[in-house]
Amino acid sequence: MRGRRLEISGGALVVLALLYYLDDRGVTLWVLLACLFHELGHWGAIRLLGGRVVRLRLSCAGAELRLSSAHPLTPLGTALAALAGPGINLLLAWGSGLLARHGWGGRLYVFVGINLGLALFNLLPAGWLDGGRALAGVLAGLGREELGERVTALCSDGAAAVLLGLGLMLLWESGGRNFTLLIAGLWLAAAGRKERGALYL
């Protein structure tokens, strides 16, 4: 499915359908809402910093914002735009927790957990996640672009290996029922093969 500014791959539709089918606790909509605010955080920061988003692509690997080459961001601007998505999720987690403590419903704690998980995962210093892009942007701003690429590549491999290891342990401990970390590790390893020309979810 493709429009002028939005592209949704077949893989993304399959993943969404699978999540909805397997969701027996009604958390899929909460996850999608957290992801929406995450991307809006990126988009708002890019606009404030003078950049332009030309396309949003949703795939089974996540969301990708393609930026206009006519309005490039500085390395520091790239770092700030990358951090804006997790920053919004942390604010949502804090606000939702505050509302839940004041009687707005215990269900909001689910939203707290989703936003915290999304923010912390994206802050990993993997090259194609927000943390890696922020680190690379800061080092590029200091004139150490090659160092930034090497460091984020090393962190990417390390983060994927750690998540895969922890995922296998969790799968074993849960008797084959909990494979969330394993999926995250596999995703991280597979996403590393993609081009690094955009901001990812």
Foldseek 3Di string as FASTA:
>chain_A
DDDFAEAEDPQQVVVLVVCVVPDPPPCSVLLVVLLVQLVVQLQVLCVVQFWHFRHWYQHNLFIWTFTDPVGDGALQSQLNSLLRSLVSLQVLLVVLVVCVVVPPDPVSNSSNVSSNVVSVLLLQLACQGSVVSNQLSVCVVVVNNVVSVVVNPVSLVVVLVVLCVVQVVVCVVVVNPDNVSNVSSVSSVVCVVDDRRTHGD
